[in-house]
Amino acid sequence: MGLVAALLEILQRPTFGEVILELGMFMAPIWIAVLVGVLVGWSWKPKWANLAIDSVPTTHVPALQNLSFGFSTLKLQVPSWIKETHSPPSISSSTSSSLQLEAKKSVVTDADLRYLDGLVEEQDGGPAWIQMMDRSTPNMSYQAWRRDPETGPPQYRSRTVYEDATPEMLRDFFWDDEFRLKWDDMLIHAETLEECPTTGTMVVQWVRKFPFFCSDREYIIGRRIWESGRTYYCITKGVPCSSVPRRNKPRRVDLYYSSWFIRAAESKRDGRMTACEVLLFHYEDMGIPWEIAKLGVRQGMWGAVRKIDPGLRAYQKHRASGDPISRCAFMAQVNTKVDIENLRSMGSETNLSEIEPEDSPEKPARRNIPRFLVVGGAIALACSLDRGLLTKAVIFGVARRFAGIGKRL
């Protein structure tokens, strides 16, 4: 009401010149604020927002479909002039050959197993999990949780029960990069860099496709499987790799953790142990603001998860056909046997810091971005990315929510 009264008072000035002068003085602070926001936003704008519009091809960008399962998630349609195209870096034949990891320190250790076990038992010392989703289909049921640690990106936990599936089939399915390329639209390149035929430890390179303002992301992943009975602890995490040089594009993700706990479960149809339970724990620092990443996860999670089940059923048919299995699927069957109770008694809980990349040059810090930077950056980003309304609405909506200014508008 005060704003309306002030405008009415200005409009009641006796001459037109005085009205114009008063309106100019009234609007000056607003225009200055907008100008400062735009300037600050452009100065803060990260590398992934630098789009050379004149050089960008006019092709269509697929939506981000899977961020964690691979994790999934920013399912937004954007104009076709935004896409960046580049081929994945090539690895020399000497590097990509199967190298034994026995001669050096293992990249995935018992400490990682204890850490995953702590997550499974909810005894890792982290904050409480907040449920996000509870969905189901005739062939699967799905629940998801999220938590925000004091440092580091948001963490996700999910529980999926697949009907008519064995733990061994799910273990091989998630490890089989060759077949993953057929059902995971986000994965565009997968290559084994090193492997150990004794422990089953592998180092693989992934390149994943990201949507609109993000360039592709490269992952160097160490992975290994422990077996306790017919229960499997499948660990994958980002590891350093000096043999693969860093490039501007695709951008390497150093902080990455995505691990599964797989075991048989009761079927919801008849109560028999013909289903399979998969607990997934996932987090990564993709190099984008975490509030935007959380928005994408919330919007795209179910759509991404729902696409895993058709991939699994196709994989079951592929295995039933008797075709030779891939090298990755073979390595998934090379497991380290473990008595999990003895392991728990031998070691204390492992902290998050113990499994982060050892020589990561980009240690993540909590991103408490000042409000004016968020608003200014959102203005610049929206103006540079999209001539339509959809992307602007999403970016401004996230900025308003994150800056806490919605109630004052």
Protein backbone atom coordinates (compact mmCIF):
# COMPACT_ATOMS: atom_id res chain seq x y z
CA MET A 1 0.00 0.00 0.00
CA GLY A 2 2.91 2.38 0.75
CA LEU A 3 4.24 1.88 -2.76
CA VAL A 4 0.84 2.68 -4.32
CA ALA A 5 0.45 5.78 -2.17
CA ALA A 6 3.89 7.03 -3.20
CA LEU A 7 3.08 6.55 -6.88
CA LEU A 8 -0.23 8.38 -6.52
CA GLU A 9 1.50 11.26 -4.79
CA ILE A 10 4.00 11.54 -7.64
CA LEU A 11 1.28 11.49 -10.28
CA GLN A 12 -0.49 14.42 -8.53
CA ARG A 13 2.40 16.81 -9.22
CA PRO A 14 1.18 19.98 -11.00
CA THR A 15 3.40 19.71 -14.07
CA PHE A 16 4.37 16.88 -16.37
CA GLY A 17 8.09 17.66 -15.94
CA GLU A 18 7.85 17.30 -12.17
CA VAL A 19 6.06 13.94 -12.59
CA ILE A 20 8.85 12.68 -14.88
CA LEU A 21 11.54 13.93 -12.49
CA GLU A 22 9.90 12.32 -9.46
CA LEU A 23 9.36 9.03 -11.30
CA GLY A 24 13.01 9.00 -12.35
CA MET A 25 14.14 9.55 -8.75
CA PHE A 26 11.70 6.88 -7.59
CA MET A 27 12.91 4.26 -10.08
CA ALA A 28 16.63 5.04 -9.85
CA PRO A 29 17.38 2.75 -6.84
CA ILE A 30 15.55 -0.14 -8.52
CA TRP A 31 17.48 0.22 -11.77
CA ILE A 32 20.76 0.56 -9.87
CA ALA A 33 19.98 -2.64 -7.95
CA VAL A 34 19.17 -4.52 -11.17
CA LEU A 35 22.32 -3.20 -12.82
CA VAL A 36 24.49 -4.22 -9.89
CA GLY A 37 22.85 -7.65 -9.87
CA VAL A 38 23.56 -8.17 -13.57
CA LEU A 39 27.17 -6.97 -13.29
CA VAL A 40 27.86 -9.08 -10.23
CA GLY A 41 26.15 -12.03 -11.86
CA TRP A 42 28.31 -11.79 -14.97
CA SER A 43 31.51 -11.46 -12.92
CA TRP A 44 30.52 -14.52 -10.85
CA LYS A 45 29.31 -16.55 -13.80
CA PRO A 46 31.12 -19.94 -13.76
CA LYS A 47 32.86 -21.54 -16.71
CA TRP A 48 29.97 -23.81 -17.51
CA ALA A 49 27.78 -20.79 -18.24
CA ASN A 50 30.13 -19.45 -20.93
CA LEU A 51 28.26 -20.48 -24.03
CA ALA A 52 29.67 -19.28 -27.32
CA ILE A 53 26.34 -18.85 -29.03
CA ASP A 54 27.79 -18.14 -32.42
CA SER A 55 29.63 -21.45 -32.45
CA VAL A 56 26.94 -23.68 -30.99
CA PRO A 57 25.31 -26.08 -33.48
CA THR A 58 21.58 -26.13 -33.96
CA THR A 59 20.87 -29.60 -32.68
CA HIS A 60 18.57 -30.86 -29.95
CA VAL A 61 19.69 -31.48 -26.37
CA PRO A 62 18.33 -34.62 -24.69
CA ALA A 63 17.06 -34.23 -21.13
CA LEU A 64 19.23 -35.46 -18.28
CA GLN A 65 17.78 -38.83 -17.48
CA ASN A 66 19.85 -40.55 -14.81
CA LEU A 67 22.19 -39.19 -12.27
CA SER A 68 22.80 -41.92 -9.94
CA PHE A 69 21.61 -45.07 -11.39
CA GLY A 70 23.35 -43.63 -12.94
CA PHE A 71 21.83 -40.32 -10.89
CA SER A 72 19.77 -38.68 -13.01
CA THR A 73 17.96 -35.96 -13.08
CA LEU A 74 17.60 -32.50 -14.56
CA LYS A 75 14.79 -33.33 -16.99
CA LEU A 76 14.15 -30.01 -18.72
CA GLN A 77 13.62 -29.36 -22.40
CA VAL A 78 15.63 -26.42 -23.72
CA PRO A 79 16.12 -24.66 -27.06
CA SER A 80 18.16 -26.51 -29.62
CA TRP A 81 20.83 -23.82 -29.96
CA ILE A 82 22.31 -24.54 -26.52
CA LYS A 83 23.91 -27.93 -27.04
CA GLU A 84 27.67 -28.39 -26.87
CA THR A 85 29.16 -31.28 -28.82
CA HIS A 86 32.55 -32.83 -28.36
CA SER A 87 33.94 -36.32 -28.57
CA PRO A 88 35.16 -38.12 -25.46
CA PRO A 89 38.92 -38.08 -24.88
CA SER A 90 40.70 -41.01 -26.34
CA ILE A 91 42.84 -43.29 -24.21
CA SER A 92 46.00 -44.82 -25.62
CA SER A 93 46.05 -48.53 -26.12
CA SER A 94 48.78 -48.94 -23.51
CA THR A 95 46.70 -47.12 -20.91
CA SER A 96 43.43 -48.83 -21.71
CA SER A 97 44.88 -52.32 -21.61
CA SER A 98 44.09 -54.46 -18.60
CA LEU A 99 46.70 -53.56 -16.01
CA GLN A 100 46.99 -55.50 -12.77
CA LEU A 101 46.47 -53.41 -9.64
CA GLU A 102 48.27 -55.86 -7.37
CA ALA A 103 51.59 -54.07 -7.72
CA LYS A 104 50.29 -50.89 -6.08
CA LYS A 105 47.97 -49.86 -3.30
CA SER A 106 44.40 -50.90 -3.98
CA VAL A 107 42.14 -48.04 -4.94
CA VAL A 108 39.16 -49.56 -3.07
CA THR A 109 39.94 -50.93 0.40
CA ASP A 110 38.36 -52.48 3.48
CA ALA A 111 37.85 -48.95 4.82
CA ASP A 112 35.44 -48.32 1.94
CA LEU A 113 33.61 -51.53 2.78
CA ARG A 114 33.26 -50.49 6.44
CA TYR A 115 31.97 -47.09 5.33
CA LEU A 116 29.31 -48.65 3.09
CA ASP A 117 28.31 -51.05 5.87
CA GLY A 118 27.89 -48.06 8.19
CA LEU A 119 25.58 -46.44 5.64
CA VAL A 120 23.56 -49.64 5.31
CA GLU A 121 23.19 -49.99 9.08
CA GLU A 122 22.59 -46.21 9.44
CA GLN A 123 25.51 -46.00 11.86
CA ASP A 124 27.82 -43.74 9.87
CA GLY A 125 27.30 -40.78 12.19
CA GLY A 126 25.73 -38.57 9.52
CA PRO A 127 22.50 -36.52 9.77
CA ALA A 128 19.08 -38.16 9.61
CA TRP A 129 17.61 -39.11 6.24
CA ILE A 130 14.52 -37.24 5.00
CA GLN A 131 12.16 -39.26 2.79
CA MET A 132 11.58 -37.81 -0.66
CA MET A 133 9.62 -40.44 -2.55
CA ASP A 134 7.67 -43.69 -2.33
CA ARG A 135 6.56 -45.11 -5.69
CA SER A 136 5.93 -48.52 -7.19
CA THR A 137 5.09 -50.40 -10.38
CA PRO A 138 4.01 -54.04 -10.83
CA ASN A 139 7.66 -55.08 -11.17
CA MET A 140 9.38 -52.83 -8.65
CA SER A 141 8.94 -50.63 -5.60
CA TYR A 142 11.07 -47.58 -4.87
CA GLN A 143 11.77 -45.33 -1.90
CA ALA A 144 14.25 -42.45 -1.72
CA TRP A 145 15.73 -40.25 0.98
CA ARG A 146 18.03 -37.22 1.06
CA ARG A 147 20.19 -35.52 3.65
CA ASP A 148 22.40 -32.43 3.66
CA PRO A 149 25.72 -32.89 5.48
CA GLU A 150 27.52 -29.94 7.05
CA THR A 151 30.13 -30.10 4.30
CA GLY A 152 29.88 -31.59 0.84
CA PRO A 153 27.04 -32.06 -1.64
CA PRO A 154 23.58 -33.52 -0.86
CA GLN A 155 23.55 -37.26 -0.25
CA TYR A 156 20.90 -39.68 -1.48
CA ARG A 157 19.77 -43.08 -0.28
CA SER A 158 17.29 -45.27 -2.14
CA ARG A 159 15.76 -48.71 -1.67
CA THR A 160 14.49 -50.57 -4.72
CA VAL A 161 12.94 -54.04 -4.71
CA TYR A 162 12.87 -55.75 -8.11
CA GLU A 163 10.50 -58.66 -8.60
CA ASP A 164 11.76 -61.89 -10.22
CA ALA A 165 15.44 -61.01 -9.99
CA THR A 166 18.45 -62.51 -8.24
CA PRO A 167 21.24 -60.65 -6.42
CA GLU A 168 23.77 -62.05 -8.89
CA MET A 169 21.81 -60.71 -11.86
CA LEU A 170 21.58 -57.21 -10.33
CA ARG A 171 25.27 -57.31 -9.44
CA ASP A 172 26.27 -58.07 -13.02
CA PHE A 173 23.69 -55.67 -14.45
CA PHE A 174 25.04 -52.62 -12.62
CA TRP A 175 28.65 -53.57 -13.43
CA ASP A 176 28.14 -54.26 -17.15
CA ASP A 177 29.24 -51.04 -18.85
CA GLU A 178 28.90 -52.55 -22.32
CA PHE A 179 25.21 -53.22 -21.79
CA ARG A 180 24.69 -50.00 -19.80
CA LEU A 181 25.44 -48.05 -22.95
CA LYS A 182 22.27 -49.57 -24.42
CA TRP A 183 19.85 -48.50 -21.68
CA ASP A 184 21.50 -45.53 -19.94
CA ASP A 185 21.01 -42.61 -22.32
CA MET A 186 23.26 -40.43 -20.20
CA LEU A 187 26.37 -42.59 -20.56
CA ILE A 188 28.15 -41.83 -23.83
CA HIS A 189 31.57 -43.39 -23.20
CA ALA A 190 32.81 -46.20 -20.94
CA GLU A 191 36.26 -47.74 -20.93
CA THR A 192 38.20 -50.00 -18.57
CA LEU A 193 41.58 -48.50 -17.69
CA GLU A 194 42.90 -51.02 -15.16
CA GLU A 195 41.76 -54.25 -13.56
CA CYS A 196 42.94 -56.82 -11.06
CA PRO A 197 41.92 -60.41 -11.87
CA THR A 198 42.58 -61.47 -8.25
CA THR A 199 40.34 -59.03 -6.33
CA GLY A 200 38.07 -57.90 -9.17
CA THR A 201 39.07 -54.27 -8.59
CA MET A 202 38.64 -52.08 -11.67
CA VAL A 203 39.37 -48.51 -12.69
CA VAL A 204 37.02 -47.29 -15.43
CA GLN A 205 36.47 -44.05 -17.28
CA TRP A 206 32.98 -42.76 -17.87
CA VAL A 207 31.81 -39.72 -19.83
CA ARG A 208 28.23 -38.72 -19.13
CA LYS A 209 25.97 -36.36 -21.05
CA PHE A 210 24.57 -33.40 -19.13
CA PRO A 211 21.80 -31.02 -20.23
CA PHE A 212 21.65 -27.39 -21.37
CA PHE A 213 24.17 -25.16 -19.52
CA CYS A 214 26.44 -28.04 -18.39
CA SER A 215 29.20 -29.58 -20.43
CA ASP A 216 29.75 -33.33 -20.35
CA ARG A 217 31.29 -34.80 -17.20
CA GLU A 218 34.17 -37.26 -16.97
CA TYR A 219 34.51 -39.77 -14.15
CA ILE A 220 37.50 -41.91 -13.21
CA ILE A 221 35.90 -44.60 -11.05
CA GLY A 222 37.46 -47.26 -8.86
CA ARG A 223 35.16 -50.17 -8.08
CA ARG A 224 35.17 -53.49 -6.29
CA ILE A 225 32.67 -56.05 -4.94
CA TRP A 226 32.67 -57.88 -1.62
CA GLU A 227 30.49 -60.95 -1.07
CA SER A 228 29.02 -62.13 2.23
CA GLY A 229 26.92 -65.20 1.50
CA ARG A 230 24.61 -64.02 -1.28
CA THR A 231 24.81 -60.40 -0.12
CA TYR A 232 26.94 -58.08 -2.22
CA TYR A 233 28.64 -54.80 -1.31
CA CYS A 234 29.34 -53.07 -4.63
CA ILE A 235 31.48 -49.95 -4.21
CA THR A 236 32.23 -47.32 -6.86
CA LYS A 237 33.95 -44.03 -6.11
CA GLY A 238 36.02 -41.37 -7.80
CA VAL A 239 39.77 -42.05 -7.75
CA PRO A 240 42.83 -40.12 -9.00
CA CYS A 241 44.36 -41.27 -12.26
CA SER A 242 47.54 -39.64 -13.54
CA SER A 243 47.51 -41.61 -16.79
CA VAL A 244 44.40 -39.77 -18.05
CA PRO A 245 45.13 -36.03 -18.41
CA ARG A 246 42.54 -33.48 -17.35
CA ARG A 247 40.74 -31.47 -20.00
CA ASN A 248 38.45 -28.49 -19.96
CA LYS A 249 35.80 -30.56 -21.70
CA PRO A 250 34.59 -32.93 -20.51
CA ARG A 251 35.01 -31.63 -16.99
CA ARG A 252 36.25 -34.19 -14.50
CA VAL A 253 34.18 -34.94 -11.39
CA ASP A 254 36.55 -35.74 -8.53
CA LEU A 255 34.13 -36.17 -5.66
CA TYR A 256 31.94 -39.10 -6.64
CA TYR A 257 30.48 -41.93 -4.56
CA SER A 258 27.86 -44.43 -5.70
CA SER A 259 27.58 -47.83 -4.01
CA TRP A 260 25.06 -50.65 -3.82
CA PHE A 261 24.06 -53.15 -1.16
CA ILE A 262 22.32 -56.08 -2.89
CA ARG A 263 20.52 -59.06 -1.35
CA ALA A 264 17.52 -61.33 -1.89
CA ALA A 265 14.14 -60.10 -0.61
CA GLU A 266 10.57 -61.28 -0.23
CA SER A 267 8.29 -60.83 -3.19
CA LYS A 268 5.27 -58.63 -2.55
CA ARG A 269 3.28 -61.03 -4.72
CA ASP A 270 3.62 -64.29 -2.79
CA GLY A 271 6.13 -63.70 0.02
CA ARG A 272 8.78 -66.00 -1.47
CA MET A 273 12.43 -64.93 -1.72
CA THR A 274 12.21 -64.33 -5.46
CA ALA A 275 12.76 -60.56 -5.38
CA CYS A 276 15.97 -58.57 -4.94
CA GLU A 277 16.56 -55.55 -2.69
CA VAL A 278 19.04 -52.86 -3.77
CA LEU A 279 20.12 -50.08 -1.41
CA LEU A 280 21.92 -47.30 -3.26
CA PHE A 281 23.98 -44.52 -1.64
CA HIS A 282 25.03 -41.70 -3.93
CA TYR A 283 26.57 -38.25 -3.90
CA GLU A 284 28.79 -36.24 -6.22
CA ASP A 285 30.01 -32.71 -6.79
CA MET A 286 29.12 -32.01 -10.42
CA GLY A 287 30.29 -28.40 -10.31
CA ILE A 288 26.83 -26.81 -10.33
CA PRO A 289 25.05 -25.07 -7.41
CA TRP A 290 23.68 -27.72 -5.10
CA GLU A 291 20.24 -26.10 -4.84
CA ILE A 292 19.84 -26.37 -8.61
CA ALA A 293 21.06 -29.97 -8.50
CA LYS A 294 18.54 -30.81 -5.77
CA LEU A 295 15.73 -29.29 -7.83
CA GLY A 296 16.73 -31.45 -10.78
CA VAL A 297 16.90 -34.60 -8.67
CA ARG A 298 13.49 -33.97 -7.19
CA GLN A 299 11.92 -33.36 -10.60
CA GLY A 300 13.60 -36.15 -12.55
CA MET A 301 14.31 -38.93 -10.05
CA TRP A 302 11.27 -41.13 -10.61
CA GLY A 303 11.40 -40.82 -14.38
CA ALA A 304 15.04 -41.94 -14.33
CA VAL A 305 14.50 -44.79 -11.87
CA ARG A 306 11.53 -46.10 -13.78
CA LYS A 307 13.74 -46.63 -16.86
CA ILE A 308 16.12 -48.95 -15.01
CA ASP A 309 13.57 -51.77 -14.80
CA PRO A 310 13.14 -52.17 -18.61
CA GLY A 311 16.93 -52.20 -18.87
CA LEU A 312 17.12 -54.96 -16.27
CA ARG A 313 14.47 -57.07 -18.03
CA ALA A 314 16.32 -56.67 -21.34
CA TYR A 315 19.51 -57.73 -19.59
CA GLN A 316 17.83 -60.84 -18.19
CA LYS A 317 16.77 -61.82 -21.70
CA HIS A 318 20.25 -61.09 -23.02
CA ARG A 319 21.82 -63.38 -20.41
CA ALA A 320 19.20 -66.07 -20.97
CA SER A 321 20.02 -66.13 -24.69
CA GLY A 322 23.39 -67.67 -23.93
CA ASP A 323 25.45 -64.93 -25.58
CA PRO A 324 28.96 -64.49 -24.13
CA ILE A 325 29.07 -62.07 -21.20
CA SER A 326 31.10 -58.88 -21.38
CA ARG A 327 34.45 -58.43 -19.65
CA CYS A 328 32.87 -56.11 -17.06
CA ALA A 329 30.20 -58.69 -16.22
CA PHE A 330 32.92 -61.31 -15.87
CA MET A 331 34.85 -59.06 -13.48
CA ALA A 332 31.66 -58.56 -11.43
CA GLN A 333 31.87 -62.25 -10.60
CA VAL A 334 35.39 -61.90 -9.16
CA ASN A 335 34.46 -60.99 -5.58
CA THR A 336 36.28 -60.75 -2.28
CA LYS A 337 34.70 -63.04 0.32
CA VAL A 338 34.12 -61.38 3.69
CA ASP A 339 32.59 -62.17 7.07
CA ILE A 340 30.86 -58.86 7.68
CA GLU A 341 30.46 -59.44 11.42
CA ASN A 342 34.20 -59.97 11.83
CA LEU A 343 34.87 -56.88 9.73
CA ARG A 344 32.64 -54.79 11.99
CA SER A 345 34.48 -56.00 15.07
CA MET A 346 37.91 -55.31 13.54
CA GLY A 347 37.48 -51.69 12.49
CA SER A 348 35.82 -48.53 13.67
CA GLU A 349 33.47 -46.47 11.57
CA THR A 350 35.07 -44.77 8.61
CA ASN A 351 34.60 -41.04 8.18
CA LEU A 352 33.52 -39.47 4.91
CA SER A 353 36.91 -37.77 4.54
CA GLU A 354 38.65 -41.14 4.40
CA ILE A 355 37.13 -42.07 1.05
CA GLU A 356 37.36 -38.77 -0.81
CA PRO A 357 39.83 -38.55 -3.72
CA GLU A 358 43.36 -38.49 -2.31
CA ASP A 359 44.80 -35.76 -4.49
CA SER A 360 41.67 -33.97 -5.67
CA PRO A 361 42.59 -30.42 -6.71
CA GLU A 362 39.03 -29.26 -6.18
CA LYS A 363 38.13 -30.06 -2.59
CA PRO A 364 34.50 -29.09 -2.19
CA ALA A 365 33.47 -26.55 0.40
CA ARG A 366 29.98 -25.72 1.53
CA ARG A 367 28.59 -23.22 -0.91
CA ASN A 368 27.00 -20.52 1.16
CA ILE A 369 26.60 -18.10 -1.72
CA PRO A 370 25.49 -14.59 -0.73
CA ARG A 371 21.97 -13.72 -1.75
CA PHE A 372 22.92 -10.89 -4.07
CA LEU A 373 25.31 -13.21 -5.93
CA VAL A 374 22.58 -15.79 -6.41
CA VAL A 375 20.08 -13.25 -7.72
CA GLY A 376 22.63 -11.47 -9.91
CA GLY A 377 24.00 -14.73 -11.23
CA ALA A 378 20.51 -16.02 -11.97
CA ILE A 379 19.71 -12.86 -13.93
CA ALA A 380 22.87 -13.17 -16.02
CA LEU A 381 22.47 -16.91 -16.51
CA ALA A 382 18.84 -16.65 -17.57
CA CYS A 383 19.58 -13.85 -20.01
CA SER A 384 22.46 -15.80 -21.57
CA LEU A 385 20.78 -19.20 -21.83
CA ASP A 386 17.28 -18.95 -23.09
CA ARG A 387 15.02 -16.67 -25.10
CA GLY A 388 11.95 -18.54 -23.84
CA LEU A 389 10.19 -18.62 -20.48
CA LEU A 390 10.76 -22.15 -19.19
CA THR A 391 14.45 -21.97 -18.37
CA LYS A 392 14.13 -18.43 -16.96
CA ALA A 393 11.29 -19.54 -14.70
CA VAL A 394 13.30 -22.45 -13.34
CA ILE A 395 16.45 -20.39 -12.75
CA PHE A 396 14.65 -17.46 -11.16
CA GLY A 397 12.51 -19.82 -9.09
CA VAL A 398 15.56 -21.56 -7.69
CA ALA A 399 17.33 -18.26 -7.05
CA ARG A 400 14.31 -16.80 -5.23
CA ARG A 401 13.91 -19.88 -3.07
CA PHE A 402 17.60 -20.14 -2.28
CA ALA A 403 17.96 -16.44 -1.48
CA GLY A 404 14.85 -16.47 0.69
CA ILE A 405 13.27 -13.45 -0.95
CA GLY A 406 10.02 -15.02 -2.10
CA LYS A 407 7.99 -13.82 0.88
CA ARG A 408 9.00 -10.23 0.31
CA LEU A 409 7.93 -10.06 -3.35
